[in-house]
Amino acid sequence: MQTFSSRPFYRTQLFFLTLLIVVFGAALAAAGVFLALPRDLGDGYGAVLSTVKVLEKALLGKAVAIYAVMALFIAGTVVLLHLFYSHRIAGPAYRLAREAGSIGQGKLKCEIRFRRKDSLTDMADSLNQAAERYRDRVTEARDALSIIEAKTESVAHLIQRGEGAPAVEQALRDVTGQLQKIESVIAEVRT
């Protein structure tokens, strides 16, 4: 199983996309102000002065309106971008918490899978590995317990039939060996 597979450069990519949106919005605002300016100022000095006076009055209003629209566009786009990116973390975090709760309740058959572009996949991989290791340990302990049960029944039959001490001693050694195996499995789980 692969570990540490979270999307690389997640924060860097988000930062540069945000910066790109801001720069693009500022460029659109500048282009809007430029296009709002008249192309021809007039033929003479007097015409140019009157056009400049009209521009002084109209330009501030147009520039404020254009920059206000672009600020709303930039803010809306950045909010949508961050909302989209936050869902790449929030959804997986919710699923991780839910699966960790299931594991805490003893349900070790989890297999957490995320969408291709989600983050936190390294945590999902680690949680899957932990659950798999604990499943293996529980299986080992159950197998050892079933052997102990069989050996205990064997000892009971040997005693009922009046079999000799060597057969009973061997069965008890087998039970002791399985108990030590269970003890080592439990010690591994605790550490």
N, C-alpha and C. Protein backbone atom coordinates (compact mmCIF):
# COMPACT_ATOMS: atom_id res chain seq x y z
N MET A 1 0.84 -1.18 0.00
CA MET A 1 0.00 0.00 0.00
C MET A 1 0.89 1.25 0.00
N GLN A 2 0.56 2.21 -0.79
CA GLN A 2 1.36 3.43 -0.92
C GLN A 2 1.07 4.39 0.24
N THR A 3 2.11 5.04 0.73
CA THR A 3 1.92 6.01 1.81
C THR A 3 2.37 7.39 1.35
N PHE A 4 1.93 8.39 2.09
CA PHE A 4 2.28 9.79 1.82
C PHE A 4 1.97 10.17 0.38
N SER A 5 0.72 10.00 0.02
CA SER A 5 0.32 10.27 -1.36
C SER A 5 -0.59 11.48 -1.48
N SER A 6 -0.56 12.38 -0.51
CA SER A 6 -1.36 13.59 -0.63
C SER A 6 -0.88 14.39 -1.83
N ARG A 7 -1.77 15.17 -2.36
CA ARG A 7 -1.42 15.94 -3.54
C ARG A 7 -0.29 16.90 -3.21
N PRO A 8 0.81 16.82 -3.95
CA PRO A 8 1.93 17.73 -3.68
C PRO A 8 1.58 19.15 -4.10
N PHE A 9 2.17 20.11 -3.42
CA PHE A 9 2.04 21.53 -3.76
C PHE A 9 0.59 22.02 -3.68
N TYR A 10 -0.19 21.46 -2.80
CA TYR A 10 -1.60 21.85 -2.67
C TYR A 10 -1.73 23.33 -2.34
N ARG A 11 -1.03 23.78 -1.30
CA ARG A 11 -1.11 25.19 -0.89
C ARG A 11 -0.50 26.11 -1.93
N THR A 12 0.61 25.70 -2.52
CA THR A 12 1.27 26.51 -3.54
C THR A 12 0.35 26.69 -4.75
N GLN A 13 -0.28 25.61 -5.16
CA GLN A 13 -1.18 25.67 -6.30
C GLN A 13 -2.37 26.59 -5.99
N LEU A 14 -2.91 26.48 -4.80
CA LEU A 14 -4.03 27.35 -4.41
C LEU A 14 -3.59 28.81 -4.39
N PHE A 15 -2.41 29.09 -3.85
CA PHE A 15 -1.89 30.45 -3.81
C PHE A 15 -1.74 31.02 -5.21
N PHE A 16 -1.12 30.26 -6.11
CA PHE A 16 -0.90 30.78 -7.47
C PHE A 16 -2.19 30.93 -8.25
N LEU A 17 -3.15 30.06 -8.04
CA LEU A 17 -4.45 30.24 -8.71
C LEU A 17 -5.15 31.50 -8.20
N THR A 18 -5.06 31.74 -6.89
CA THR A 18 -5.65 32.96 -6.33
C THR A 18 -4.95 34.19 -6.90
N LEU A 19 -3.63 34.17 -6.94
CA LEU A 19 -2.87 35.28 -7.50
C LEU A 19 -3.23 35.49 -8.97
N LEU A 20 -3.38 34.42 -9.72
CA LEU A 20 -3.75 34.51 -11.13
C LEU A 20 -5.12 35.19 -11.28
N ILE A 21 -6.06 34.83 -10.44
CA ILE A 21 -7.39 35.45 -10.50
C ILE A 21 -7.30 36.94 -10.20
N VAL A 22 -6.53 37.32 -9.19
CA VAL A 22 -6.40 38.73 -8.83
C VAL A 22 -5.72 39.52 -9.95
N VAL A 23 -4.64 38.99 -10.50
CA VAL A 23 -3.93 39.68 -11.59
C VAL A 23 -4.83 39.78 -12.82
N PHE A 24 -5.53 38.71 -13.15
CA PHE A 24 -6.42 38.72 -14.30
C PHE A 24 -7.54 39.75 -14.10
N GLY A 25 -8.11 39.80 -12.90
CA GLY A 25 -9.16 40.78 -12.61
C GLY A 25 -8.64 42.21 -12.69
N ALA A 26 -7.43 42.45 -12.18
CA ALA A 26 -6.85 43.79 -12.25
C ALA A 26 -6.58 44.18 -13.71
N ALA A 27 -6.12 43.23 -14.51
CA ALA A 27 -5.87 43.51 -15.93
C ALA A 27 -7.18 43.83 -16.65
N LEU A 28 -8.23 43.08 -16.33
CA LEU A 28 -9.54 43.38 -16.94
C LEU A 28 -10.04 44.75 -16.52
N ALA A 29 -9.83 45.12 -15.26
CA ALA A 29 -10.25 46.44 -14.79
C ALA A 29 -9.47 47.53 -15.51
N ALA A 30 -8.17 47.36 -15.65
CA ALA A 30 -7.36 48.35 -16.36
C ALA A 30 -7.80 48.47 -17.82
N ALA A 31 -8.08 47.32 -18.44
CA ALA A 31 -8.55 47.35 -19.83
C ALA A 31 -9.90 48.06 -19.92
N GLY A 32 -10.76 47.84 -18.93
CA GLY A 32 -12.06 48.51 -18.92
C GLY A 32 -11.93 50.01 -18.80
N VAL A 33 -11.03 50.47 -17.92
CA VAL A 33 -10.80 51.91 -17.78
C VAL A 33 -10.22 52.47 -19.07
N PHE A 34 -9.28 51.78 -19.67
CA PHE A 34 -8.68 52.24 -20.92
C PHE A 34 -9.74 52.36 -22.02
N LEU A 35 -10.60 51.35 -22.12
CA LEU A 35 -11.63 51.38 -23.15
C LEU A 35 -12.70 52.44 -22.86
N ALA A 36 -12.83 52.84 -21.60
CA ALA A 36 -13.80 53.88 -21.25
C ALA A 36 -13.31 55.27 -21.64
N LEU A 37 -12.02 55.43 -21.86
CA LEU A 37 -11.47 56.72 -22.26
C LEU A 37 -11.80 56.99 -23.73
N PRO A 38 -12.05 58.25 -24.06
CA PRO A 38 -12.32 58.56 -25.47
C PRO A 38 -11.04 58.43 -26.31
N ARG A 39 -11.21 58.07 -27.55
CA ARG A 39 -10.07 57.88 -28.45
C ARG A 39 -9.54 59.22 -28.98
N ASP A 40 -10.44 60.13 -29.20
CA ASP A 40 -10.05 61.41 -29.80
C ASP A 40 -10.32 62.52 -28.79
N LEU A 41 -9.29 63.30 -28.49
CA LEU A 41 -9.43 64.39 -27.53
C LEU A 41 -9.92 65.69 -28.18
N GLY A 42 -9.91 65.77 -29.45
CA GLY A 42 -10.36 66.98 -30.14
C GLY A 42 -9.28 67.49 -31.08
N ASP A 43 -9.65 68.55 -31.87
CA ASP A 43 -8.72 69.06 -32.87
C ASP A 43 -7.84 70.20 -32.37
N GLY A 44 -8.30 70.95 -31.46
CA GLY A 44 -7.51 72.10 -31.01
C GLY A 44 -7.26 72.04 -29.52
N TYR A 45 -6.45 73.07 -29.08
CA TYR A 45 -6.10 73.14 -27.68
C TYR A 45 -7.33 73.31 -26.81
N GLY A 46 -8.26 74.10 -27.20
CA GLY A 46 -9.49 74.34 -26.45
C GLY A 46 -10.34 73.09 -26.37
N ALA A 47 -10.42 72.35 -27.47
CA ALA A 47 -11.21 71.11 -27.50
C ALA A 47 -10.58 70.07 -26.56
N VAL A 48 -9.25 70.02 -26.55
CA VAL A 48 -8.56 69.07 -25.67
C VAL A 48 -8.82 69.42 -24.21
N LEU A 49 -8.75 70.74 -23.87
CA LEU A 49 -9.00 71.16 -22.49
C LEU A 49 -10.43 70.84 -22.06
N SER A 50 -11.40 71.06 -22.93
CA SER A 50 -12.79 70.76 -22.55
C SER A 50 -13.00 69.25 -22.42
N THR A 51 -12.33 68.46 -23.26
CA THR A 51 -12.43 67.00 -23.16
C THR A 51 -11.80 66.51 -21.86
N VAL A 52 -10.67 67.11 -21.48
CA VAL A 52 -10.00 66.73 -20.23
C VAL A 52 -10.89 67.05 -19.04
N LYS A 53 -11.57 68.21 -19.06
CA LYS A 53 -12.47 68.57 -17.96
C LYS A 53 -13.64 67.59 -17.87
N VAL A 54 -14.18 67.18 -19.01
CA VAL A 54 -15.27 66.20 -19.02
C VAL A 54 -14.76 64.86 -18.50
N LEU A 55 -13.54 64.52 -18.93
CA LEU A 55 -12.93 63.26 -18.48
C LEU A 55 -12.72 63.25 -16.98
N GLU A 56 -12.28 64.37 -16.42
CA GLU A 56 -12.06 64.44 -14.97
C GLU A 56 -13.33 64.11 -14.22
N LYS A 57 -14.46 64.62 -14.70
CA LYS A 57 -15.73 64.38 -14.02
C LYS A 57 -16.21 62.94 -14.25
N ALA A 58 -16.11 62.44 -15.45
CA ALA A 58 -16.66 61.13 -15.79
C ALA A 58 -15.72 59.98 -15.44
N LEU A 59 -14.41 60.24 -15.49
CA LEU A 59 -13.45 59.16 -15.32
C LEU A 59 -13.49 58.57 -13.92
N LEU A 60 -13.61 59.40 -12.91
CA LEU A 60 -13.64 58.89 -11.54
C LEU A 60 -14.82 57.94 -11.36
N GLY A 61 -15.98 58.34 -11.81
CA GLY A 61 -17.17 57.49 -11.68
C GLY A 61 -17.03 56.18 -12.44
N LYS A 62 -16.53 56.29 -13.69
CA LYS A 62 -16.36 55.07 -14.50
C LYS A 62 -15.30 54.15 -13.89
N ALA A 63 -14.20 54.74 -13.45
CA ALA A 63 -13.13 53.92 -12.87
C ALA A 63 -13.61 53.22 -11.60
N VAL A 64 -14.33 53.96 -10.75
CA VAL A 64 -14.85 53.35 -9.52
C VAL A 64 -15.83 52.23 -9.86
N ALA A 65 -16.71 52.46 -10.82
CA ALA A 65 -17.68 51.44 -11.21
C ALA A 65 -16.98 50.20 -11.77
N ILE A 66 -16.01 50.43 -12.65
CA ILE A 66 -15.29 49.29 -13.25
C ILE A 66 -14.52 48.52 -12.19
N TYR A 67 -13.80 49.23 -11.33
CA TYR A 67 -13.03 48.54 -10.29
C TYR A 67 -13.95 47.86 -9.27
N ALA A 68 -15.12 48.43 -9.00
CA ALA A 68 -16.07 47.78 -8.08
C ALA A 68 -16.58 46.47 -8.67
N VAL A 69 -16.93 46.50 -9.95
CA VAL A 69 -17.40 45.28 -10.61
C VAL A 69 -16.29 44.23 -10.63
N MET A 70 -15.08 44.67 -10.94
CA MET A 70 -13.96 43.72 -10.99
C MET A 70 -13.62 43.20 -9.59
N ALA A 71 -13.74 44.04 -8.57
CA ALA A 71 -13.48 43.58 -7.20
C ALA A 71 -14.50 42.51 -6.80
N LEU A 72 -15.77 42.72 -7.18
CA LEU A 72 -16.79 41.69 -6.91
C LEU A 72 -16.49 40.41 -7.68
N PHE A 73 -16.07 40.55 -8.94
CA PHE A 73 -15.71 39.38 -9.74
C PHE A 73 -14.55 38.63 -9.10
N ILE A 74 -13.51 39.37 -8.71
CA ILE A 74 -12.33 38.74 -8.10
C ILE A 74 -12.72 38.06 -6.79
N ALA A 75 -13.45 38.77 -5.95
CA ALA A 75 -13.84 38.20 -4.65
C ALA A 75 -14.70 36.96 -4.83
N GLY A 76 -15.66 37.03 -5.73
CA GLY A 76 -16.53 35.86 -5.98
C GLY A 76 -15.76 34.68 -6.52
N THR A 77 -14.86 34.94 -7.45
CA THR A 77 -14.07 33.85 -8.02
C THR A 77 -13.13 33.25 -6.98
N VAL A 78 -12.51 34.08 -6.17
CA VAL A 78 -11.61 33.57 -5.12
C VAL A 78 -12.40 32.76 -4.10
N VAL A 79 -13.59 33.23 -3.73
CA VAL A 79 -14.42 32.47 -2.79
C VAL A 79 -14.77 31.11 -3.37
N LEU A 80 -15.19 31.08 -4.63
CA LEU A 80 -15.52 29.80 -5.27
C LEU A 80 -14.30 28.88 -5.35
N LEU A 81 -13.15 29.44 -5.69
CA LEU A 81 -11.92 28.65 -5.76
C LEU A 81 -11.59 28.04 -4.40
N HIS A 82 -11.65 28.86 -3.36
CA HIS A 82 -11.31 28.37 -2.02
C HIS A 82 -12.37 27.38 -1.51
N LEU A 83 -13.62 27.59 -1.87
CA LEU A 83 -14.66 26.64 -1.50
C LEU A 83 -14.40 25.30 -2.17
N PHE A 84 -14.07 25.34 -3.46
CA PHE A 84 -13.76 24.12 -4.20
C PHE A 84 -12.57 23.40 -3.58
N TYR A 85 -11.52 24.15 -3.28
CA TYR A 85 -10.32 23.54 -2.70
C TYR A 85 -10.58 23.04 -1.27
N SER A 86 -11.39 23.76 -0.50
CA SER A 86 -11.66 23.32 0.87
C SER A 86 -12.43 22.00 0.88
N HIS A 87 -13.25 21.77 -0.14
CA HIS A 87 -13.97 20.50 -0.21
C HIS A 87 -13.03 19.33 -0.48
N ARG A 88 -11.88 19.62 -1.05
CA ARG A 88 -10.89 18.56 -1.26
C ARG A 88 -10.25 18.13 0.06
N ILE A 89 -10.42 18.94 1.10
CA ILE A 89 -9.92 18.59 2.42
C ILE A 89 -11.07 18.20 3.34
N ALA A 90 -12.16 18.98 3.32
CA ALA A 90 -13.26 18.76 4.26
C ALA A 90 -13.94 17.40 4.05
N GLY A 91 -14.19 17.03 2.82
CA GLY A 91 -14.82 15.73 2.55
C GLY A 91 -13.96 14.57 3.04
N PRO A 92 -12.69 14.53 2.65
CA PRO A 92 -11.83 13.45 3.16
C PRO A 92 -11.67 13.47 4.68
N ALA A 93 -11.60 14.66 5.28
CA ALA A 93 -11.47 14.73 6.74
C ALA A 93 -12.71 14.15 7.42
N TYR A 94 -13.88 14.43 6.87
CA TYR A 94 -15.11 13.86 7.42
C TYR A 94 -15.10 12.34 7.32
N ARG A 95 -14.72 11.82 6.15
CA ARG A 95 -14.68 10.37 5.97
C ARG A 95 -13.64 9.72 6.87
N LEU A 96 -12.49 10.38 7.04
CA LEU A 96 -11.46 9.85 7.94
C LEU A 96 -11.98 9.76 9.37
N ALA A 97 -12.66 10.81 9.81
CA ALA A 97 -13.20 10.81 11.17
C ALA A 97 -14.24 9.71 11.35
N ARG A 98 -15.10 9.54 10.36
CA ARG A 98 -16.13 8.50 10.43
C ARG A 98 -15.51 7.11 10.47
N GLU A 99 -14.52 6.87 9.61
CA GLU A 99 -13.86 5.56 9.58
C GLU A 99 -13.04 5.32 10.83
N ALA A 100 -12.39 6.36 11.36
CA ALA A 100 -11.64 6.20 12.61
C ALA A 100 -12.59 5.83 13.75
N GLY A 101 -13.78 6.41 13.76
CA GLY A 101 -14.78 6.04 14.75
C GLY A 101 -15.21 4.59 14.61
N SER A 102 -15.36 4.13 13.38
CA SER A 102 -15.71 2.72 13.14
C SER A 102 -14.60 1.80 13.62
N ILE A 103 -13.36 2.18 13.35
CA ILE A 103 -12.23 1.37 13.80
C ILE A 103 -12.19 1.35 15.33
N GLY A 104 -12.47 2.49 15.95
CA GLY A 104 -12.51 2.56 17.40
C GLY A 104 -13.59 1.66 18.00
N GLN A 105 -14.65 1.40 17.25
CA GLN A 105 -15.71 0.51 17.71
C GLN A 105 -15.42 -0.95 17.38
N GLY A 106 -14.27 -1.21 16.76
CA GLY A 106 -13.88 -2.59 16.47
C GLY A 106 -14.21 -3.05 15.07
N LYS A 107 -14.74 -2.19 14.23
CA LYS A 107 -15.05 -2.57 12.85
C LYS A 107 -13.80 -2.32 12.01
N LEU A 108 -13.03 -3.37 11.81
CA LEU A 108 -11.72 -3.22 11.16
C LEU A 108 -11.76 -3.49 9.66
N LYS A 109 -12.92 -3.59 9.06
CA LYS A 109 -13.01 -3.90 7.64
C LYS A 109 -13.16 -2.65 6.78
N CYS A 110 -12.54 -1.57 7.19
CA CYS A 110 -12.66 -0.33 6.42
C CYS A 110 -11.67 -0.34 5.25
N GLU A 111 -12.05 0.30 4.20
CA GLU A 111 -11.17 0.50 3.05
C GLU A 111 -11.49 1.89 2.52
N ILE A 112 -10.74 2.87 2.97
CA ILE A 112 -11.01 4.26 2.65
C ILE A 112 -10.40 4.59 1.29
N ARG A 113 -11.22 5.07 0.39
CA ARG A 113 -10.76 5.51 -0.94
C ARG A 113 -11.31 6.91 -1.18
N PHE A 114 -10.46 7.77 -1.72
CA PHE A 114 -10.86 9.13 -2.03
C PHE A 114 -10.87 9.34 -3.54
N ARG A 115 -11.46 10.47 -3.93
CA ARG A 115 -11.42 10.84 -5.34
C ARG A 115 -9.98 11.16 -5.73
N ARG A 116 -9.71 11.15 -7.00
CA ARG A 116 -8.34 11.30 -7.50
C ARG A 116 -7.69 12.59 -7.04
N LYS A 117 -8.41 13.70 -6.98
CA LYS A 117 -7.80 14.99 -6.66
C LYS A 117 -7.97 15.39 -5.20
N ASP A 118 -8.53 14.51 -4.37
CA ASP A 118 -8.70 14.82 -2.95
C ASP A 118 -7.35 14.83 -2.25
N SER A 119 -7.31 15.56 -1.15
CA SER A 119 -6.12 15.56 -0.30
C SER A 119 -6.32 14.57 0.84
N LEU A 120 -5.31 14.47 1.67
CA LEU A 120 -5.31 13.61 2.85
C LEU A 120 -5.30 12.12 2.51
N THR A 121 -4.90 11.78 1.28
CA THR A 121 -4.85 10.37 0.93
C THR A 121 -3.78 9.63 1.71
N ASP A 122 -2.73 10.35 2.15
CA ASP A 122 -1.71 9.68 2.96
C ASP A 122 -2.29 9.25 4.29
N MET A 123 -3.19 10.05 4.86
CA MET A 123 -3.84 9.66 6.11
C MET A 123 -4.76 8.47 5.91
N ALA A 124 -5.47 8.46 4.79
CA ALA A 124 -6.35 7.32 4.49
C ALA A 124 -5.52 6.05 4.34
N ASP A 125 -4.40 6.15 3.64
CA ASP A 125 -3.52 4.99 3.47
C ASP A 125 -3.01 4.49 4.82
N SER A 126 -2.61 5.41 5.68
CA SER A 126 -2.11 5.03 7.01
C SER A 126 -3.21 4.38 7.84
N LEU A 127 -4.42 4.93 7.78
CA LEU A 127 -5.53 4.36 8.54
C LEU A 127 -5.90 2.98 7.99
N ASN A 128 -5.88 2.82 6.67
CA ASN A 128 -6.13 1.51 6.07
C ASN A 128 -5.08 0.50 6.52
N GLN A 129 -3.81 0.91 6.54
CA GLN A 129 -2.74 0.01 6.97
C GLN A 129 -2.90 -0.38 8.43
N ALA A 130 -3.24 0.60 9.27
CA ALA A 130 -3.43 0.30 10.70
C ALA A 130 -4.57 -0.69 10.90
N ALA A 131 -5.68 -0.47 10.22
CA ALA A 131 -6.82 -1.38 10.34
C ALA A 131 -6.44 -2.78 9.84
N GLU A 132 -5.69 -2.83 8.75
CA GLU A 132 -5.26 -4.13 8.22
C GLU A 132 -4.35 -4.85 9.21
N ARG A 133 -3.41 -4.11 9.81
CA ARG A 133 -2.52 -4.73 10.81
C ARG A 133 -3.31 -5.25 12.00
N TYR A 134 -4.26 -4.46 12.48
CA TYR A 134 -5.07 -4.92 13.61
C TYR A 134 -5.95 -6.10 13.22
N ARG A 135 -6.48 -6.11 12.00
CA ARG A 135 -7.24 -7.27 11.52
C ARG A 135 -6.38 -8.52 11.54
N ASP A 136 -5.13 -8.38 11.06
CA ASP A 136 -4.21 -9.53 11.06
C ASP A 136 -3.94 -10.01 12.48
N ARG A 137 -3.75 -9.09 13.41
CA ARG A 137 -3.48 -9.47 14.81
C ARG A 137 -4.69 -10.18 15.42
N VAL A 138 -5.88 -9.67 15.15
CA VAL A 138 -7.09 -10.29 15.67
C VAL A 138 -7.25 -11.69 15.09
N THR A 139 -6.96 -11.84 13.80
CA THR A 139 -7.04 -13.16 13.17
C THR A 139 -6.05 -14.12 13.80
N GLU A 140 -4.82 -13.65 14.04
CA GLU A 140 -3.82 -14.50 14.71
C GLU A 140 -4.31 -14.93 16.08
N ALA A 141 -4.87 -14.00 16.84
CA ALA A 141 -5.36 -14.32 18.18
C ALA A 141 -6.52 -15.31 18.12
N ARG A 142 -7.43 -15.13 17.17
CA ARG A 142 -8.56 -16.06 17.02
C ARG A 142 -8.07 -17.45 16.64
N ASP A 143 -7.11 -17.51 15.72
CA ASP A 143 -6.55 -18.81 15.33
C ASP A 143 -5.92 -19.51 16.53
N ALA A 144 -5.17 -18.75 17.31
CA ALA A 144 -4.54 -19.34 18.50
C ALA A 144 -5.59 -19.80 19.51
N LEU A 145 -6.66 -19.03 19.67
CA LEU A 145 -7.73 -19.43 20.58
C LEU A 145 -8.43 -20.70 20.12
N SER A 146 -8.63 -20.85 18.82
CA SER A 146 -9.26 -22.08 18.34
C SER A 146 -8.35 -23.28 18.55
N ILE A 147 -7.04 -23.10 18.40
CA ILE A 147 -6.09 -24.19 18.69
C ILE A 147 -6.14 -24.53 20.17
N ILE A 148 -6.19 -23.50 21.02
CA ILE A 148 -6.27 -23.74 22.47
C ILE A 148 -7.54 -24.51 22.81
N GLU A 149 -8.64 -24.11 22.17
CA GLU A 149 -9.90 -24.80 22.42
C GLU A 149 -9.80 -26.27 22.02
N ALA A 150 -9.22 -26.54 20.86
CA ALA A 150 -9.07 -27.92 20.40
C ALA A 150 -8.15 -28.71 21.34
N LYS A 151 -7.05 -28.11 21.76
CA LYS A 151 -6.11 -28.79 22.67
C LYS A 151 -6.75 -29.03 24.03
N THR A 152 -7.55 -28.08 24.50
CA THR A 152 -8.23 -28.25 25.78
C THR A 152 -9.21 -29.41 25.72
N GLU A 153 -9.95 -29.50 24.62
CA GLU A 153 -10.85 -30.64 24.43
C GLU A 153 -10.07 -31.94 24.37
N SER A 154 -8.91 -31.89 23.71
CA SER A 154 -8.05 -33.07 23.62
C SER A 154 -7.58 -33.51 25.00
N VAL A 155 -7.17 -32.55 25.83
CA VAL A 155 -6.74 -32.87 27.20
C VAL A 155 -7.90 -33.48 27.98
N ALA A 156 -9.09 -32.92 27.83
CA ALA A 156 -10.26 -33.45 28.54
C ALA A 156 -10.53 -34.89 28.12
N HIS A 157 -10.43 -35.17 26.82
CA HIS A 157 -10.65 -36.54 26.34
C HIS A 157 -9.57 -37.49 26.86
N LEU A 158 -8.32 -37.01 26.87
CA LEU A 158 -7.23 -37.85 27.37
C LEU A 158 -7.44 -38.19 28.85
N ILE A 159 -7.86 -37.20 29.61
CA ILE A 159 -8.08 -37.43 31.04
C ILE A 159 -9.26 -38.38 31.24
N GLN A 160 -10.35 -38.21 30.45
CA GLN A 160 -11.51 -39.09 30.57
C GLN A 160 -11.16 -40.53 30.22
N ARG A 161 -10.31 -40.71 29.23
CA ARG A 161 -9.93 -42.06 28.80
C ARG A 161 -8.85 -42.65 29.70
N GLY A 162 -8.30 -41.82 30.56
CA GLY A 162 -7.26 -42.30 31.45
C GLY A 162 -5.92 -42.44 30.76
N GLU A 163 -5.69 -41.65 29.71
CA GLU A 163 -4.42 -41.70 28.98
C GLU A 163 -3.28 -41.29 29.90
N GLY A 164 -2.09 -41.60 29.48
CA GLY A 164 -0.90 -41.34 30.28
C GLY A 164 -0.54 -39.86 30.36
N ALA A 165 0.32 -39.59 31.30
CA ALA A 165 0.77 -38.23 31.57
C ALA A 165 1.53 -37.61 30.41
N PRO A 166 2.33 -38.34 29.64
CA PRO A 166 3.08 -37.69 28.55
C PRO A 166 2.16 -37.04 27.51
N ALA A 167 1.07 -37.68 27.15
CA ALA A 167 0.15 -37.11 26.16
C ALA A 167 -0.53 -35.86 26.71
N VAL A 168 -0.90 -35.89 27.98
CA VAL A 168 -1.52 -34.73 28.61
C VAL A 168 -0.52 -33.59 28.72
N GLU A 169 0.71 -33.91 29.10
CA GLU A 169 1.75 -32.88 29.21
C GLU A 169 2.02 -32.23 27.86
N GLN A 170 2.05 -33.02 26.79
CA GLN A 170 2.28 -32.46 25.45
C GLN A 170 1.15 -31.52 25.06
N ALA A 171 -0.08 -31.91 25.32
CA ALA A 171 -1.23 -31.07 25.00
C ALA A 171 -1.17 -29.77 25.81
N LEU A 172 -0.77 -29.86 27.07
CA LEU A 172 -0.66 -28.66 27.90
C LEU A 172 0.47 -27.75 27.41
N ARG A 173 1.57 -28.33 26.93
CA ARG A 173 2.65 -27.51 26.35
C ARG A 173 2.16 -26.78 25.10
N ASP A 174 1.35 -27.48 24.30
CA ASP A 174 0.78 -26.83 23.10
C ASP A 174 -0.12 -25.66 23.50
N VAL A 175 -0.93 -25.86 24.53
CA VAL A 175 -1.81 -24.79 25.01
C VAL A 175 -0.98 -23.62 25.52
N THR A 176 0.08 -23.91 26.27
CA THR A 176 0.95 -22.86 26.79
C THR A 176 1.60 -22.09 25.65
N GLY A 177 2.04 -22.80 24.62
CA GLY A 177 2.65 -22.13 23.45
C GLY A 177 1.66 -21.20 22.76
N GLN A 178 0.43 -21.64 22.62
CA GLN A 178 -0.58 -20.79 21.99
C GLN A 178 -0.92 -19.58 22.86
N LEU A 179 -0.94 -19.78 24.18
CA LEU A 179 -1.18 -18.65 25.07
C LEU A 179 -0.06 -17.62 24.97
N GLN A 180 1.17 -18.09 24.84
CA GLN A 180 2.30 -17.17 24.66
C GLN A 180 2.19 -16.42 23.33
N LYS A 181 1.70 -17.11 22.31
CA LYS A 181 1.50 -16.46 21.01
C LYS A 181 0.45 -15.35 21.13
N ILE A 182 -0.64 -15.63 21.83
CA ILE A 182 -1.68 -14.61 22.03
C ILE A 182 -1.11 -13.44 22.82
N GLU A 183 -0.31 -13.74 23.83
CA GLU A 183 0.30 -12.68 24.64
C GLU A 183 1.20 -11.79 23.79
N SER A 184 1.97 -12.39 22.87
CA SER A 184 2.84 -11.57 22.01
C SER A 184 2.03 -10.73 21.03
N VAL A 185 0.92 -11.28 20.54
CA VAL A 185 0.05 -10.51 19.63
C VAL A 185 -0.52 -9.31 20.37
N ILE A 186 -0.98 -9.52 21.60
CA ILE A 186 -1.54 -8.42 22.39
C ILE A 186 -0.46 -7.40 22.71
N ALA A 187 0.75 -7.87 22.99
CA ALA A 187 1.85 -6.93 23.28
C ALA A 187 2.17 -6.08 22.06
N GLU A 188 2.09 -6.66 20.85
CA GLU A 188 2.33 -5.89 19.62
C GLU A 188 1.26 -4.83 19.42
N VAL A 189 0.03 -5.16 19.76
CA VAL A 189 -1.07 -4.21 19.59
C VAL A 189 -0.92 -3.04 20.55
N ARG A 190 -0.46 -3.29 21.75
CA ARG A 190 -0.32 -2.24 22.75
C ARG A 190 0.82 -1.29 22.44
N THR A 191 1.86 -1.74 21.77
CA THR A 191 3.04 -0.90 21.56
C THR A 191 2.95 -0.08 20.33
